[in-house]
Amino acid sequence: MHHTTYYAYGFRIPYTHPDGLESVLRALREKGSQIDYFIASDMVFLVTECAEVEPGEFKVITPRSFERHERTAWDRTLREAADRLGLTECPEPGWLLVPDLS
């Protein structure tokens, strides 16, 4: 069993096969967008900024961690990816802390 925790900026989306995600995200990456996804415990997350925190490691999160000038561009990229995936309703992007025990 693999244990990790993801710290990321984005939102959860309905399950989408990785092949479909890759084809949509590849087109955005070719335009220079920083966009990715991860799957944790059968949940799919569309993200821009993402870090894995393995067992025995830690990440310091300060108030300044949330004050990122890139957020406007990240929000725009996430919405564009969701639109291209045909997702009409998505939550507001935010900072996620997602444990994965898969």
C-alpha atoms as a PDB file:
ATOM      1  CA  MET A   1       0.000   0.000   0.000  1.00  0.00           C
ATOM      2  CA  HIS A   2       1.328   3.431  -0.965  1.00  0.00           C
ATOM      3  CA  HIS A   3       0.865   6.369   1.408  1.00  0.00           C
ATOM      4  CA  THR A   4       1.319   9.974   0.343  1.00  0.00           C
ATOM      5  CA  THR A   5      -0.329  13.327   0.870  1.00  0.00           C
ATOM      6  CA  TYR A   6      -0.825  15.924  -1.839  1.00  0.00           C
ATOM      7  CA  TYR A   7      -0.731  19.650  -1.213  1.00  0.00           C
ATOM      8  CA  ALA A   8      -2.139  21.368  -4.280  1.00  0.00           C
ATOM      9  CA  TYR A   9      -4.112  24.276  -5.717  1.00  0.00           C
ATOM     10  CA  GLY A  10      -7.166  23.282  -7.731  1.00  0.00           C
ATOM     11  CA  PHE A  11     -10.423  21.393  -7.292  1.00  0.00           C
ATOM     12  CA  ARG A  12     -11.920  17.913  -7.446  1.00  0.00           C
ATOM     13  CA  ILE A  13     -13.581  16.828 -10.687  1.00  0.00           C
ATOM     14  CA  PRO A  14     -15.772  13.825 -11.504  1.00  0.00           C
ATOM     15  CA  TYR A  15     -13.829  10.721 -12.416  1.00  0.00           C
ATOM     16  CA  THR A  16     -12.273  11.159 -15.835  1.00  0.00           C
ATOM     17  CA  HIS A  17     -10.074   8.534 -17.486  1.00  0.00           C
ATOM     18  CA  PRO A  18      -6.411   9.604 -17.499  1.00  0.00           C
ATOM     19  CA  ASP A  19      -6.210   9.263 -21.308  1.00  0.00           C
ATOM     20  CA  GLY A  20      -8.933  11.884 -21.734  1.00  0.00           C
ATOM     21  CA  LEU A  21      -7.311  14.158 -19.183  1.00  0.00           C
ATOM     22  CA  GLU A  22      -3.902  13.882 -20.794  1.00  0.00           C
ATOM     23  CA  SER A  23      -5.135  14.819 -24.257  1.00  0.00           C
ATOM     24  CA  VAL A  24      -6.910  17.947 -22.974  1.00  0.00           C
ATOM     25  CA  LEU A  25      -4.111  18.988 -20.629  1.00  0.00           C
ATOM     26  CA  ARG A  26      -1.414  18.403 -23.257  1.00  0.00           C
ATOM     27  CA  ALA A  27      -3.004  21.072 -25.478  1.00  0.00           C
ATOM     28  CA  LEU A  28      -2.994  23.550 -22.563  1.00  0.00           C
ATOM     29  CA  ARG A  29       0.604  22.707 -21.619  1.00  0.00           C
ATOM     30  CA  GLU A  30       1.699  23.336 -25.188  1.00  0.00           C
ATOM     31  CA  LYS A  31       0.319  26.866 -24.768  1.00  0.00           C
ATOM     32  CA  GLY A  32       2.499  27.280 -21.662  1.00  0.00           C
ATOM     33  CA  SER A  33      -0.108  26.580 -18.971  1.00  0.00           C
ATOM     34  CA  GLN A  34       0.969  24.922 -15.754  1.00  0.00           C
ATOM     35  CA  ILE A  35      -1.818  22.352 -15.393  1.00  0.00           C
ATOM     36  CA  ASP A  36      -1.901  18.782 -14.130  1.00  0.00           C
ATOM     37  CA  TYR A  37      -4.055  16.274 -12.311  1.00  0.00           C
ATOM     38  CA  PHE A  38      -3.689  13.540  -9.756  1.00  0.00           C
ATOM     39  CA  ILE A  39      -5.820  10.630  -8.631  1.00  0.00           C
ATOM     40  CA  ALA A  40      -6.019   9.798  -4.931  1.00  0.00           C
ATOM     41  CA  SER A  41      -8.321   7.186  -3.432  1.00  0.00           C
ATOM     42  CA  ASP A  42     -10.487   7.104  -6.603  1.00  0.00           C
ATOM     43  CA  MET A  43     -10.878  10.896  -6.586  1.00  0.00           C
ATOM     44  CA  VAL A  44      -9.568  13.038  -9.447  1.00  0.00           C
ATOM     45  CA  PHE A  45      -8.179  16.520  -8.869  1.00  0.00           C
ATOM     46  CA  LEU A  46      -7.392  19.142 -11.500  1.00  0.00           C
ATOM     47  CA  VAL A  47      -4.476  21.223 -10.198  1.00  0.00           C
ATOM     48  CA  THR A  48      -1.840  23.796 -11.054  1.00  0.00           C
ATOM     49  CA  GLU A  49       0.565  23.919  -8.108  1.00  0.00           C
ATOM     50  CA  CYS A  50       1.106  20.462  -6.567  1.00  0.00           C
ATOM     51  CA  ALA A  51       3.549  18.846  -4.160  1.00  0.00           C
ATOM     52  CA  GLU A  52       3.665  15.339  -2.734  1.00  0.00           C
ATOM     53  CA  VAL A  53       4.476  14.931   0.925  1.00  0.00           C
ATOM     54  CA  GLU A  54       5.629  11.402   1.683  1.00  0.00           C
ATOM     55  CA  PRO A  55       5.412   9.725   5.109  1.00  0.00           C
ATOM     56  CA  GLY A  56       8.204  10.979   7.326  1.00  0.00           C
ATOM     57  CA  GLU A  57       8.399  14.296   5.435  1.00  0.00           C
ATOM     58  CA  PHE A  58       6.664  17.601   6.062  1.00  0.00           C
ATOM     59  CA  LYS A  59       5.841  20.848   4.311  1.00  0.00           C
ATOM     60  CA  VAL A  60       5.690  24.192   6.058  1.00  0.00           C
ATOM     61  CA  ILE A  61       2.590  26.188   5.160  1.00  0.00           C
ATOM     62  CA  THR A  62       2.635  29.819   6.232  1.00  0.00           C
ATOM     63  CA  PRO A  63       0.130  32.623   5.609  1.00  0.00           C
ATOM     64  CA  ARG A  64       2.381  33.769   2.748  1.00  0.00           C
ATOM     65  CA  SER A  65       1.959  30.338   1.124  1.00  0.00           C
ATOM     66  CA  PHE A  66      -1.573  31.409   0.205  1.00  0.00           C
ATOM     67  CA  GLU A  67      -0.621  34.835  -1.159  1.00  0.00           C
ATOM     68  CA  ARG A  68       0.470  33.781  -4.625  1.00  0.00           C
ATOM     69  CA  HIS A  69       0.401  36.283  -7.477  1.00  0.00           C
ATOM     70  CA  GLU A  70      -0.107  33.391  -9.919  1.00  0.00           C
ATOM     71  CA  ARG A  71      -3.586  32.573  -8.575  1.00  0.00           C
ATOM     72  CA  THR A  72      -5.463  34.640 -11.173  1.00  0.00           C
ATOM     73  CA  ALA A  73      -3.686  32.820 -14.009  1.00  0.00           C
ATOM     74  CA  TRP A  74      -4.127  29.478 -12.233  1.00  0.00           C
ATOM     75  CA  ASP A  75      -7.869  30.077 -11.831  1.00  0.00           C
ATOM     76  CA  ARG A  76      -8.179  30.944 -15.518  1.00  0.00           C
ATOM     77  CA  THR A  77      -6.223  27.816 -16.533  1.00  0.00           C
ATOM     78  CA  LEU A  78      -8.287  25.553 -14.289  1.00  0.00           C
ATOM     79  CA  ARG A  79     -11.554  26.958 -15.691  1.00  0.00           C
ATOM     80  CA  GLU A  80     -10.322  26.552 -19.266  1.00  0.00           C
ATOM     81  CA  ALA A  81      -9.343  22.927 -18.595  1.00  0.00           C
ATOM     82  CA  ALA A  82     -12.721  22.237 -16.966  1.00  0.00           C
ATOM     83  CA  ASP A  83     -14.510  23.783 -19.972  1.00  0.00           C
ATOM     84  CA  ARG A  84     -12.487  21.659 -22.403  1.00  0.00           C
ATOM     85  CA  LEU A  85     -13.364  18.576 -20.357  1.00  0.00           C
ATOM     86  CA  GLY A  86     -17.053  19.478 -20.626  1.00  0.00           C
ATOM     87  CA  LEU A  87     -17.454  20.157 -16.906  1.00  0.00           C
ATOM     88  CA  THR A  88     -20.149  22.784 -16.504  1.00  0.00           C
ATOM     89  CA  GLU A  89     -20.144  23.050 -12.713  1.00  0.00           C
ATOM     90  CA  CYS A  90     -16.886  23.185 -10.793  1.00  0.00           C
ATOM     91  CA  PRO A  91     -16.156  24.402  -7.303  1.00  0.00           C
ATOM     92  CA  GLU A  92     -14.072  27.480  -6.690  1.00  0.00           C
ATOM     93  CA  PRO A  93     -10.359  26.572  -6.824  1.00  0.00           C
ATOM     94  CA  GLY A  94      -8.594  26.428  -3.504  1.00  0.00           C
ATOM     95  CA  TRP A  95      -5.697  24.913  -1.596  1.00  0.00           C
ATOM     96  CA  LEU A  96      -6.149  21.173  -1.077  1.00  0.00           C
ATOM     97  CA  LEU A  97      -4.595  18.756   1.367  1.00  0.00           C
ATOM     98  CA  VAL A  98      -5.387  15.230   0.140  1.00  0.00           C
ATOM     99  CA  PRO A  99      -4.153  12.058   1.874  1.00  0.00           C
ATOM    100  CA  ASP A 100      -3.869   9.032  -0.409  1.00  0.00           C
ATOM    101  CA  LEU A 101      -3.750   5.516   1.006  1.00  0.00           C
ATOM    102  CA  SER A 102      -3.990   3.605  -2.274  1.00  0.00           C
END
